[in-house]
C-alpha cells in the first residue's frame, strides 16, 4: 500500500510543485537559500514524508526502500512510459524495414 501511495506522490510531484514552491518561498529566510532547481526535490521529499507519516499513523508497513522505489517510479512514470512506447514502436518498425529490404532484392 505504501508503495502505491509513494508512486502517486511521485506522479503528482510536478503538479503540486508550484504550490509547494510558493509556500516555501514565503518561508525562506536570508540564511537558507533555495535554488530554483531544488523546489521539485523538496516537494518530492515532503510528499514522501507525508506518505511515510500516513503509513505510520494507519499502521501500514512503510519500508523506506519501497517508498523510494515507488516514488521514483511515480516521478518518472511519464518518461518511462514514453520510452517503452518508443522502444515498442522501433521494434515494430524493424521487421517491416527488413521485409521491405528483402522485397527490394
C-alpha atoms as a PDB file:
ATOM      1  CA  UNK A   1       0.000   0.000   0.000  1.00  0.00           C
ATOM      2  CA  UNK A   2       2.773   2.449   0.868  1.00  0.00           C
ATOM      3  CA  UNK A   3       4.458   1.633  -2.465  1.00  0.00           C
ATOM      4  CA  UNK A   4       1.333   2.681  -4.350  1.00  0.00           C
ATOM      5  CA  UNK A   5       0.917   5.848  -2.283  1.00  0.00           C
ATOM      6  CA  UNK A   6       4.586   6.700  -2.870  1.00  0.00           C
ATOM      7  CA  UNK A   7       4.136   6.154  -6.613  1.00  0.00           C
ATOM      8  CA  UNK A   8       1.145   8.503  -6.563  1.00  0.00           C
ATOM      9  CA  UNK A   9       3.175  11.045  -4.577  1.00  0.00           C
ATOM     10  CA  UNK A  10       5.946  10.858  -7.158  1.00  0.00           C
ATOM     11  CA  UNK A  11       3.483  11.185 -10.020  1.00  0.00           C
ATOM     12  CA  UNK A  12       1.793  14.310  -8.590  1.00  0.00           C
ATOM     13  CA  UNK A  13       5.092  15.981  -7.600  1.00  0.00           C
ATOM     14  CA  UNK A  14       5.375  18.056 -10.807  1.00  0.00           C
ATOM     15  CA  UNK A  15       1.712  19.051 -10.489  1.00  0.00           C
ATOM     16  CA  UNK A  16       1.957  20.365  -6.912  1.00  0.00           C
ATOM     17  CA  UNK A  17       5.487  21.754  -7.199  1.00  0.00           C
ATOM     18  CA  UNK A  18       4.176  25.257  -7.931  1.00  0.00           C
ATOM     19  CA  UNK A  19       2.019  25.281  -4.811  1.00  0.00           C
ATOM     20  CA  UNK A  20       4.807  23.983  -2.597  1.00  0.00           C
ATOM     21  CA  UNK A  21       7.415  26.310  -4.085  1.00  0.00           C
ATOM     22  CA  UNK A  22       5.146  29.293  -3.415  1.00  0.00           C
ATOM     23  CA  UNK A  23       4.776  28.277   0.229  1.00  0.00           C
ATOM     24  CA  UNK A  24       8.488  27.556   0.574  1.00  0.00           C
ATOM     25  CA  UNK A  25       9.427  30.915  -0.932  1.00  0.00           C
ATOM     26  CA  UNK A  26       7.302  32.661   1.691  1.00  0.00           C
ATOM     27  CA  UNK A  27       9.026  30.695   4.451  1.00  0.00           C
ATOM     28  CA  UNK A  28      12.509  31.178   3.027  1.00  0.00           C
ATOM     29  CA  UNK A  29      14.900  33.225   5.119  1.00  0.00           C
ATOM     30  CA  UNK A  30      18.083  35.035   4.174  1.00  0.00           C
ATOM     31  CA  UNK A  31      20.130  32.372   5.939  1.00  0.00           C
ATOM     32  CA  UNK A  32      18.704  29.476   3.929  1.00  0.00           C
ATOM     33  CA  UNK A  33      18.710  29.990   0.184  1.00  0.00           C
ATOM     34  CA  UNK A  34      16.768  27.571  -2.009  1.00  0.00           C
ATOM     35  CA  UNK A  35      17.738  27.416  -5.677  1.00  0.00           C
ATOM     36  CA  UNK A  36      15.042  27.149  -8.350  1.00  0.00           C
ATOM     37  CA  UNK A  37      16.016  23.579  -9.242  1.00  0.00           C
ATOM     38  CA  UNK A  38      15.659  22.409  -5.653  1.00  0.00           C
ATOM     39  CA  UNK A  39      11.927  23.016  -5.301  1.00  0.00           C
ATOM     40  CA  UNK A  40      10.952  19.796  -7.077  1.00  0.00           C
ATOM     41  CA  UNK A  41      13.304  17.810  -4.847  1.00  0.00           C
ATOM     42  CA  UNK A  42      11.865  19.419  -1.725  1.00  0.00           C
ATOM     43  CA  UNK A  43       8.316  18.839  -2.941  1.00  0.00           C
ATOM     44  CA  UNK A  44       9.115  15.182  -3.623  1.00  0.00           C
ATOM     45  CA  UNK A  45      10.710  14.772  -0.189  1.00  0.00           C
ATOM     46  CA  UNK A  46       7.774  16.437   1.582  1.00  0.00           C
ATOM     47  CA  UNK A  47       5.253  14.242  -0.242  1.00  0.00           C
ATOM     48  CA  UNK A  48       7.207  11.054   0.557  1.00  0.00           C
ATOM     49  CA  UNK A  49       7.465  12.155   4.168  1.00  0.00           C
ATOM     50  CA  UNK A  50       3.705  12.631   4.169  1.00  0.00           C
ATOM     51  CA  UNK A  51       3.213   9.112   2.812  1.00  0.00           C
ATOM     52  CA  UNK A  52       5.529   7.708   5.499  1.00  0.00           C
ATOM     53  CA  UNK A  53       3.668   9.575   8.257  1.00  0.00           C
ATOM     54  CA  UNK A  54       0.303   8.474   6.871  1.00  0.00           C
ATOM     55  CA  UNK A  55       1.505   4.865   6.706  1.00  0.00           C
ATOM     56  CA  UNK A  56       2.800   5.064  10.272  1.00  0.00           C
ATOM     57  CA  UNK A  57      -0.485   6.515  11.564  1.00  0.00           C
ATOM     58  CA  UNK A  58      -2.547   3.827   9.845  1.00  0.00           C
ATOM     59  CA  UNK A  59      -0.198   1.030  10.900  1.00  0.00           C
ATOM     60  CA  UNK A  60       0.762   0.071   7.353  1.00  0.00           C
ATOM     61  CA  UNK A  61       4.313  -1.133   6.852  1.00  0.00           C
ATOM     62  CA  UNK A  62       6.357   1.587   5.159  1.00  0.00           C
ATOM     63  CA  UNK A  63       9.721   0.183   4.160  1.00  0.00           C
ATOM     64  CA  UNK A  64      11.972   3.078   3.121  1.00  0.00           C
ATOM     65  CA  UNK A  65      13.256   1.152   0.105  1.00  0.00           C
ATOM     66  CA  UNK A  66       9.781   0.595  -1.345  1.00  0.00           C
ATOM     67  CA  UNK A  67       8.754   4.164  -0.578  1.00  0.00           C
ATOM     68  CA  UNK A  68      11.729   5.404  -2.546  1.00  0.00           C
ATOM     69  CA  UNK A  69      11.255   2.961  -5.440  1.00  0.00           C
ATOM     70  CA  UNK A  70       7.550   3.772  -5.675  1.00  0.00           C
ATOM     71  CA  UNK A  71       8.210   7.487  -5.513  1.00  0.00           C
ATOM     72  CA  UNK A  72      10.909   7.392  -8.166  1.00  0.00           C
ATOM     73  CA  UNK A  73       8.794   5.244 -10.490  1.00  0.00           C
ATOM     74  CA  UNK A  74       5.895   7.639  -9.987  1.00  0.00           C
ATOM     75  CA  UNK A  75       8.062  10.694 -10.551  1.00  0.00           C
ATOM     76  CA  UNK A  76       9.452   9.363 -13.822  1.00  0.00           C
ATOM     77  CA  UNK A  77       6.347   7.398 -14.881  1.00  0.00           C
ATOM     78  CA  UNK A  78       5.542   9.505 -17.928  1.00  0.00           C
ATOM     79  CA  UNK A  79       9.139   9.325 -19.179  1.00  0.00           C
ATOM     80  CA  UNK A  80       9.313   5.569 -18.568  1.00  0.00           C
ATOM     81  CA  UNK A  81       6.040   5.014 -20.441  1.00  0.00           C
ATOM     82  CA  UNK A  82       7.187   7.204 -23.351  1.00  0.00           C
ATOM     83  CA  UNK A  83      10.499   5.329 -23.544  1.00  0.00           C
ATOM     84  CA  UNK A  84       8.721   1.958 -23.506  1.00  0.00           C
ATOM     85  CA  UNK A  85       6.351   3.090 -26.264  1.00  0.00           C
ATOM     86  CA  UNK A  86       9.307   4.310 -28.306  1.00  0.00           C
ATOM     87  CA  UNK A  87      11.124   1.001 -27.927  1.00  0.00           C
ATOM     88  CA  UNK A  88       7.995  -0.936 -28.918  1.00  0.00           C
ATOM     89  CA  UNK A  89       7.487   1.301 -31.949  1.00  0.00           C
ATOM     90  CA  UNK A  90      11.087   0.741 -33.053  1.00  0.00           C
ATOM     91  CA  UNK A  91      10.663  -2.994 -32.503  1.00  0.00           C
ATOM     92  CA  UNK A  92       7.546  -2.980 -34.706  1.00  0.00           C
ATOM     93  CA  UNK A  93       9.307  -0.938 -37.400  1.00  0.00           C
ATOM     94  CA  UNK A  94      12.357  -3.227 -37.603  1.00  0.00           C
ATOM     95  CA  UNK A  95      10.539  -6.276 -39.083  1.00  0.00           C
ATOM     96  CA  UNK A  96       8.750  -4.011 -41.579  1.00  0.00           C
ATOM     97  CA  UNK A  97      12.047  -2.488 -42.712  1.00  0.00           C
ATOM     98  CA  UNK A  98      13.606  -5.944 -43.023  1.00  0.00           C
ATOM     99  CA  UNK A  99      10.649  -7.114 -45.126  1.00  0.00           C
ATOM    100  CA  UNK A 100      10.926  -4.044 -47.373  1.00  0.00           C
ATOM    101  CA  UNK A 101      14.670  -4.656 -47.835  1.00  0.00           C
ATOM    102  CA  UNK A 102      14.021  -8.308 -48.707  1.00  0.00           C
ATOM    103  CA  UNK A 103      11.416  -7.313 -51.317  1.00  0.00           C
ATOM    104  CA  UNK A 104      13.832  -4.872 -52.966  1.00  0.00           C
ATOM    105  CA  UNK A 105      16.396  -7.656 -53.527  1.00  0.00           C
END
